[in-house]
Protein backbone atom coordinates (compact mmCIF):
# COMPACT_ATOMS: atom_id res chain seq x y z
CA MET A 1 58.62 97.34 73.53
CA ASN A 2 55.81 98.14 76.08
CA THR A 3 56.34 99.51 79.58
CA VAL A 4 55.74 96.17 81.30
CA THR A 5 58.33 94.44 79.11
CA LYS A 6 60.89 97.16 79.76
CA LEU A 7 60.32 97.02 83.52
CA SER A 8 60.62 93.24 83.55
CA GLY A 9 63.90 93.41 81.69
CA PHE A 10 65.25 96.01 84.10
CA LEU A 11 64.29 93.96 87.15
CA LEU A 12 65.88 90.82 85.69
CA GLY A 13 69.09 92.74 85.00
CA LEU A 14 69.09 94.18 88.51
CA ALA A 15 68.60 90.73 90.00
CA ALA A 16 71.54 89.44 87.98
CA VAL A 17 73.76 92.25 89.25
CA PHE A 18 72.88 91.63 92.88
CA GLY A 19 73.19 87.89 92.37
CA ALA A 20 76.71 88.33 91.05
CA ALA A 21 77.61 90.61 93.95
CA TYR A 22 76.29 88.05 96.42
CA GLY A 23 78.36 85.35 94.73
CA VAL A 24 81.51 87.41 95.07
CA GLY A 25 80.74 87.92 98.74
CA GLN A 26 80.38 84.21 99.27
CA LEU A 27 83.73 83.55 97.60
CA VAL A 28 85.53 86.14 99.70
CA GLY A 29 84.02 85.00 102.96
CA PRO A 30 81.84 86.41 105.72
CA VAL A 31 81.81 90.18 105.78
CA THR A 32 81.24 92.14 108.95
CA SER A 33 80.68 95.90 108.89
CA SER A 34 81.79 98.15 111.71
CA ALA A 35 80.18 101.57 111.86
CA GLY A 36 82.13 104.77 112.21
CA THR A 37 82.10 108.40 111.21
CA GLY A 38 84.39 110.41 109.05
CA HIS A 39 84.43 113.01 106.30
CA GLY A 40 81.56 115.39 105.76
CA SER A 41 79.47 115.12 102.61
CA ASP A 42 79.93 118.80 101.73
CA THR A 43 83.36 118.04 100.33
CA GLY A 44 82.37 114.92 98.46
CA HIS A 45 83.77 112.65 101.17
CA ALA A 46 81.52 109.93 102.52
CA ALA A 47 81.60 108.79 106.12
CA SER A 48 84.43 106.34 106.79
CA ASP A 49 82.04 103.61 107.86
CA HIS A 50 82.78 100.82 105.45
CA SER A 51 85.43 98.87 107.28
CA VAL A 52 85.12 95.13 106.71
CA THR A 53 86.63 91.89 107.78
CA THR A 54 86.73 88.87 105.52
CA ASP A 55 86.80 86.35 108.32
CA ALA A 56 84.17 86.00 111.01
CA HIS A 57 86.89 84.83 113.42
CA ALA A 58 89.38 87.68 113.17
CA THR A 59 91.38 86.76 116.24
CA ASP A 60 93.87 84.72 114.25
CA GLY A 61 94.64 85.67 110.66
CA ALA A 62 97.71 83.47 110.27
CA HIS A 63 95.97 81.45 107.58
CA LEU A 64 95.16 84.54 105.51
CA PRO A 65 97.35 86.94 103.52
CA ASP A 66 98.00 90.31 105.17
CA GLY A 67 95.55 93.17 104.89
CA LEU A 68 92.32 91.19 104.58
CA LEU A 69 91.26 91.66 108.21
CA THR A 70 90.19 94.74 110.10
CA SER A 71 90.80 92.93 113.41
CA GLN A 72 93.51 90.38 114.08
CA ASP A 73 95.20 89.00 117.21
CA GLY A 74 93.13 91.37 119.32
CA TYR A 75 94.18 94.51 117.42
CA THR A 76 91.63 96.56 115.46
CA LEU A 77 91.92 99.38 112.92
CA THR A 78 89.15 101.94 113.38
CA PRO A 79 88.64 105.23 111.48
CA VAL A 80 87.68 108.15 113.74
CA PRO A 81 85.87 111.43 113.03
CA SER A 82 88.09 113.98 111.33
CA SER A 83 87.97 117.08 109.17
CA PRO A 84 87.39 116.69 105.41
CA GLU A 85 91.04 117.55 104.81
CA GLU A 86 92.45 114.62 106.75
CA PHE A 87 92.06 110.94 107.50
CA ALA A 88 92.31 109.78 111.10
CA PHE A 89 92.23 106.39 112.76
CA ARG A 90 93.28 104.51 115.87
CA ILE A 91 94.55 101.05 116.71
CA THR A 92 92.99 99.35 119.70
CA GLY A 93 94.63 96.43 121.48
CA PRO A 94 93.47 93.14 123.02
CA ASP A 95 92.22 94.95 126.13
CA GLY A 96 90.13 97.35 124.04
CA SER A 97 92.22 100.41 124.83
CA THR A 98 93.95 102.60 122.24
CA VAL A 99 97.50 101.51 121.47
CA THR A 100 100.11 104.27 121.81
CA ALA A 101 103.37 102.26 121.82
CA PHE A 102 104.73 101.18 118.45
CA ASP A 103 108.16 99.97 117.38
CA ILE A 104 109.96 101.68 114.52
CA GLU A 105 109.96 99.63 111.32
CA HIS A 106 111.81 101.05 108.32
CA GLU A 107 112.24 104.42 110.00
CA GLN A 108 108.55 104.89 110.84
CA ARG A 109 106.09 103.70 113.48
CA MET A 110 103.19 103.60 111.03
CA HIS A 111 103.03 102.95 107.30
CA LEU A 112 99.67 103.66 105.70
CA ILE A 113 99.04 102.27 102.22
CA VAL A 114 95.98 103.56 100.37
CA VAL A 115 94.62 102.38 97.02
CA ARG A 116 91.27 102.53 95.33
CA ARG A 117 89.65 99.15 94.84
CA ASP A 118 90.23 99.32 91.09
CA LEU A 119 93.95 99.45 92.07
CA SER A 120 94.40 103.07 91.02
CA GLY A 121 95.30 106.04 93.23
CA PHE A 122 98.11 104.32 95.16
CA ARG A 123 99.53 106.27 98.12
CA HIS A 124 102.09 105.41 100.78
CA VAL A 125 101.89 107.88 103.66
CA HIS A 126 103.22 108.16 107.19
CA PRO A 127 100.65 109.59 109.63
CA GLN A 128 101.53 111.38 112.84
CA MET A 129 100.16 110.13 116.16
CA ASP A 130 98.47 112.39 118.70
CA PRO A 131 99.22 111.80 122.40
CA ASP A 132 95.89 110.00 122.73
CA GLY A 133 96.86 107.45 120.06
CA VAL A 134 94.90 108.88 117.13
CA TRP A 135 96.87 108.83 113.88
CA ARG A 136 96.29 111.68 111.40
CA THR A 137 97.38 112.36 107.84
CA PRO A 138 96.28 114.81 105.15
CA SER A 139 93.54 113.14 103.14
CA PRO A 140 95.11 110.64 100.71
CA PHE A 141 91.87 110.26 98.73
CA GLU A 142 91.95 112.24 95.50
CA GLU A 143 88.95 110.82 93.61
CA PRO A 144 85.55 109.37 94.58
CA GLY A 145 85.34 105.63 95.03
CA VAL A 146 85.90 102.86 97.54
CA TYR A 147 89.45 102.73 98.89
CA ARG A 148 91.31 100.06 100.81
CA VAL A 149 93.42 101.47 103.63
CA PHE A 150 96.23 99.30 105.03
CA ALA A 151 97.85 100.08 108.37
CA ASP A 152 101.27 98.38 108.52
CA PHE A 153 102.72 98.57 112.05
CA HIS A 154 104.48 96.76 114.89
CA PRO A 155 102.83 97.19 118.29
CA THR A 156 105.39 97.16 121.08
CA GLY A 157 105.37 93.74 122.68
CA GLY A 158 103.41 92.18 119.83
CA ALA A 159 104.00 90.87 116.33
CA PRO A 160 104.04 93.03 113.19
CA LEU A 161 100.58 93.37 111.66
CA THR A 162 98.87 94.73 108.58
CA LEU A 163 95.19 95.54 109.07
CA GLY A 164 92.86 96.80 106.35
CA THR A 165 89.60 98.70 106.15
CA ASP A 166 87.45 100.16 103.38
CA VAL A 167 86.72 103.88 103.12
CA SER A 168 84.11 105.23 100.70
CA ILE A 169 84.54 108.67 99.16
CA ALA A 170 81.24 110.02 97.80
CA GLY A 171 80.84 111.21 94.24
CA MET A 172 80.64 109.92 90.70
CA TYR A 173 82.90 106.88 90.52
CA TYR A 174 84.36 105.68 87.25
CA PRO A 175 86.39 102.47 87.77
CA GLN A 176 89.61 102.39 85.78
CA PRO A 177 90.50 99.23 83.86
CA LEU A 178 93.62 97.46 85.07
CA PRO A 179 96.49 98.13 82.64
CA PRO A 180 97.57 94.97 80.78
CA PRO A 181 100.94 93.35 81.50
CA ALA A 182 103.93 95.04 79.88
CA PRO A 183 107.68 94.72 80.55
CA THR A 184 108.31 98.35 81.50
CA SER A 185 106.85 101.24 83.46
CA THR A 186 107.81 104.88 82.98
CA VAL A 187 107.60 107.73 85.47
CA ASP A 188 109.11 111.22 85.19
CA GLY A 189 111.65 110.19 82.57
CA TYR A 190 112.67 107.05 84.46
CA THR A 191 112.07 103.60 82.99
CA VAL A 192 111.75 100.60 85.27
CA THR A 193 112.02 97.13 83.74
CA LEU A 194 110.70 94.01 85.42
CA ASP A 195 112.30 90.61 84.98
CA GLY A 196 111.47 87.34 86.70
CA ALA A 197 108.69 84.85 87.31
CA LEU A 198 106.65 83.81 90.31
CA GLU A 199 105.02 80.52 91.24
CA PRO A 200 102.11 80.49 93.69
CA GLY A 201 103.11 79.28 97.13
CA HIS A 202 106.86 79.36 96.41
CA SER A 203 109.51 82.05 96.83
CA GLY A 204 110.64 83.65 93.60
CA THR A 205 112.84 86.57 92.59
CA LEU A 206 111.80 89.68 90.70
CA THR A 207 114.44 92.11 89.46
CA LEU A 208 113.47 95.70 88.81
CA SER A 209 116.04 97.79 86.93
CA VAL A 210 115.96 101.58 86.88
CA THR A 211 117.25 103.70 83.99
CA ARG A 212 116.94 107.37 83.13
CA ASP A 213 117.02 108.49 79.51
CA GLY A 214 118.46 105.08 78.68
CA VAL A 215 121.29 105.32 81.22
CA PRO A 216 121.35 102.91 84.20
CA VAL A 217 120.76 104.68 87.52
CA THR A 218 123.59 103.61 89.82
CA ASP A 219 123.08 106.14 92.60
CA LEU A 220 119.64 105.42 93.99
CA GLU A 221 119.16 107.01 97.39
CA PRO A 222 118.03 105.24 100.54
CA TYR A 223 114.35 105.66 101.23
CA LEU A 224 113.00 104.37 104.54
CA GLY A 225 116.22 102.42 105.02
CA ALA A 226 116.24 100.66 101.63
CA TYR A 227 116.88 101.40 97.97
CA GLY A 228 113.34 100.36 97.10
CA HIS A 229 110.02 99.28 98.57
CA LEU A 230 107.66 96.95 96.73
CA VAL A 231 103.97 96.55 97.53
CA ALA A 232 101.98 93.84 95.76
CA LEU A 233 98.18 93.68 95.87
CA ARG A 234 96.11 90.79 94.54
CA ALA A 235 93.31 91.95 92.25
CA GLY A 236 89.89 91.23 93.68
CA ASP A 237 90.36 90.96 97.44
CA LEU A 238 93.49 93.17 97.59
CA ALA A 239 95.57 90.74 99.63
CA TYR A 240 98.69 92.67 100.66
CA LEU A 241 102.42 91.97 100.37
CA HIS A 242 105.21 94.41 101.28
CA VAL A 243 108.80 93.38 100.55
CA HIS A 244 112.22 95.00 100.47
CA PRO A 245 115.17 94.36 98.17
CA GLU A 246 117.96 91.93 98.88
CA GLY A 247 121.00 93.32 100.69
CA ALA A 248 121.21 96.34 102.93
CA VAL A 249 122.15 99.97 102.51
CA GLY A 250 125.77 100.54 103.54
CA ASP A 251 126.72 96.87 103.85
CA GLY A 252 129.57 97.30 101.36
CA GLN A 253 128.07 94.73 99.00
CA THR A 254 124.69 96.11 97.91
CA ASN A 255 124.85 98.44 94.94
CA PRO A 256 122.50 101.47 94.84
CA GLY A 257 121.06 100.43 91.49
CA PRO A 258 120.30 99.97 88.78
CA ASP A 259 119.03 96.51 89.79
CA LEU A 260 116.75 95.88 92.76
CA ARG A 261 116.10 92.21 93.52
CA PHE A 262 113.10 91.19 95.58
CA THR A 263 112.35 87.75 96.95
CA ILE A 264 108.59 87.39 97.06
CA GLU A 265 106.03 84.64 97.59
CA VAL A 266 102.50 85.15 96.32
CA PRO A 267 99.81 82.98 97.91
CA THR A 268 97.80 82.05 94.80
CA ALA A 269 97.65 82.28 91.05
CA GLY A 270 96.00 85.46 89.87
CA THR A 271 96.54 89.04 88.79
CA TYR A 272 98.68 91.28 91.00
CA ARG A 273 99.43 94.96 90.90
CA LEU A 274 102.96 95.96 91.90
CA TYR A 275 104.04 99.38 93.20
CA LEU A 276 107.76 100.16 93.43
CA ASP A 277 108.83 103.21 95.45
CA PHE A 278 112.37 104.43 94.73
CA GLN A 279 114.23 107.66 95.43
CA HIS A 280 116.64 109.51 93.16
CA ALA A 281 117.79 113.14 93.07
CA GLY A 282 115.84 113.79 96.26
CA VAL A 283 112.46 112.70 94.83
CA VAL A 284 110.47 109.56 95.60
CA ARG A 285 108.66 108.10 92.60
CA THR A 286 106.39 105.10 92.14
CA ALA A 287 106.46 102.74 89.16
CA GLU A 288 103.48 100.42 88.70
CA PHE A 289 103.15 97.02 87.06
CA THR A 290 100.48 94.43 86.38
CA LEU A 291 101.72 90.90 87.02
CA MET A 292 100.01 87.70 85.93
CA VAL A 293 100.91 84.67 88.05
CA GLY A 294 100.23 81.00 87.42
CA SER A 295 97.42 79.71 85.25
CA THR A 296 96.19 83.26 84.59
CA SER A 297 99.39 84.08 82.67
CA SER A 298 98.53 85.15 79.15
CA GLY A 299 99.37 82.66 76.44
CA ASN A 300 100.62 80.06 78.87
CA SER A 301 98.56 76.91 78.68
CA SER A 302 100.93 74.90 80.85
CA GLY A 303 100.33 77.11 83.89
CA THR A 304 104.03 77.92 84.29
CA PRO A 305 104.22 81.26 86.11
CA SER A 306 105.30 84.39 84.34
CA GLY A 307 105.12 88.07 85.09
CA THR A 308 105.41 91.39 83.32
CA PRO A 309 104.62 94.95 84.36
CA ALA A 310 102.09 97.31 82.87
CA ALA A 311 103.33 100.37 81.04
CA ASP A 312 101.98 102.99 83.37
CA ASN A 313 102.72 104.76 86.59
CA THR A 314 101.23 106.65 89.49
CA THR A 315 102.48 108.94 92.13
CA GLY A 316 103.56 107.38 95.35
CA ALA A 317 103.08 109.15 98.59
CA ASP A 318 104.43 110.29 101.75
CA ASP A 319 106.64 111.63 104.36
CA ALA A 320 106.41 111.99 108.09
CA THR A 321 103.57 114.49 107.60
CA GLY A 322 101.67 112.26 105.20
CA ALA A 323 102.37 114.38 102.11
CA ASP A 324 102.06 112.69 98.73
CA HIS A 325 105.04 111.74 96.59
CA THR A 326 103.89 113.96 93.77
CA HIS A 327 106.17 113.90 90.80
CA GLY A 328 108.89 116.51 90.89
CA THR A 329 108.41 117.22 94.59
CA PRO A 330 111.58 116.91 96.69
CA ALA A 331 111.44 114.02 99.07
CA HIS A 332 111.35 114.71 102.77
CA THR A 333 114.12 113.57 105.03
CA HIS A 334 113.34 111.42 108.06
């Protein structure tokens, strides 16, 4: 093959790649970048300047799932300059000023969910706010890649919101394939089993059961006011859902395991990644699952929804200082 032929083939392949990327952008919707600054390149961290919105009119995101907008109802999530060892951001309000008043939701004023766009590297951290309204947490980014950062909060006097922004971490990036659906996930000797089915646009129930060495765990400990926290992210655009189990800690009726039942409504058919945080023996762990919903369900030609988890796990993250939930690390009290 001569040089001209090789070059032509390369250019055609490059055009196909960019054409596919453009097509994805058109499916997601208008994308608006907002510049910012962030981590220095000497540590492998890129500037945090890749925040996006997926709707040109971000003043009302009621028609969209949570987490797809950087700005909604007048509130905006903006990364701010910080040291390489931390991630910092602020929330500005409808008048453009930095918001400093937040209501407590599940024992914290700010929940920060971080995941790489290949749905690996999940972290759930709780930043601390400076007097000027800047939130800071030790860097939750362990590997290079593009991460989605979700700020889940309730501004005083407003409605609860979840805003999202992208943060790029420089370096060689090797996307991880999404684990296939499987009925169980294991983490630190614990096995979590998923049972249930979901139908797009309708409420359904998922039951997650926790065992250790084959023995049901009946003494789960409260974590952030509940026996479990479930985050679901839709593959592709990373639409965000955060739900809590049925019942309440200390109500005299809700058992602390082994079964955690979640009522959840997913907006569309598709592939979802589930992350269950639970605490036992003073340690918070995260079990992960891949869930197929609707017509994407494997081996289901009728389109009836089904769901199973992937046999794999990650660390969760966080405490009031933003520390990761690394396996075997005692959980922090709040």
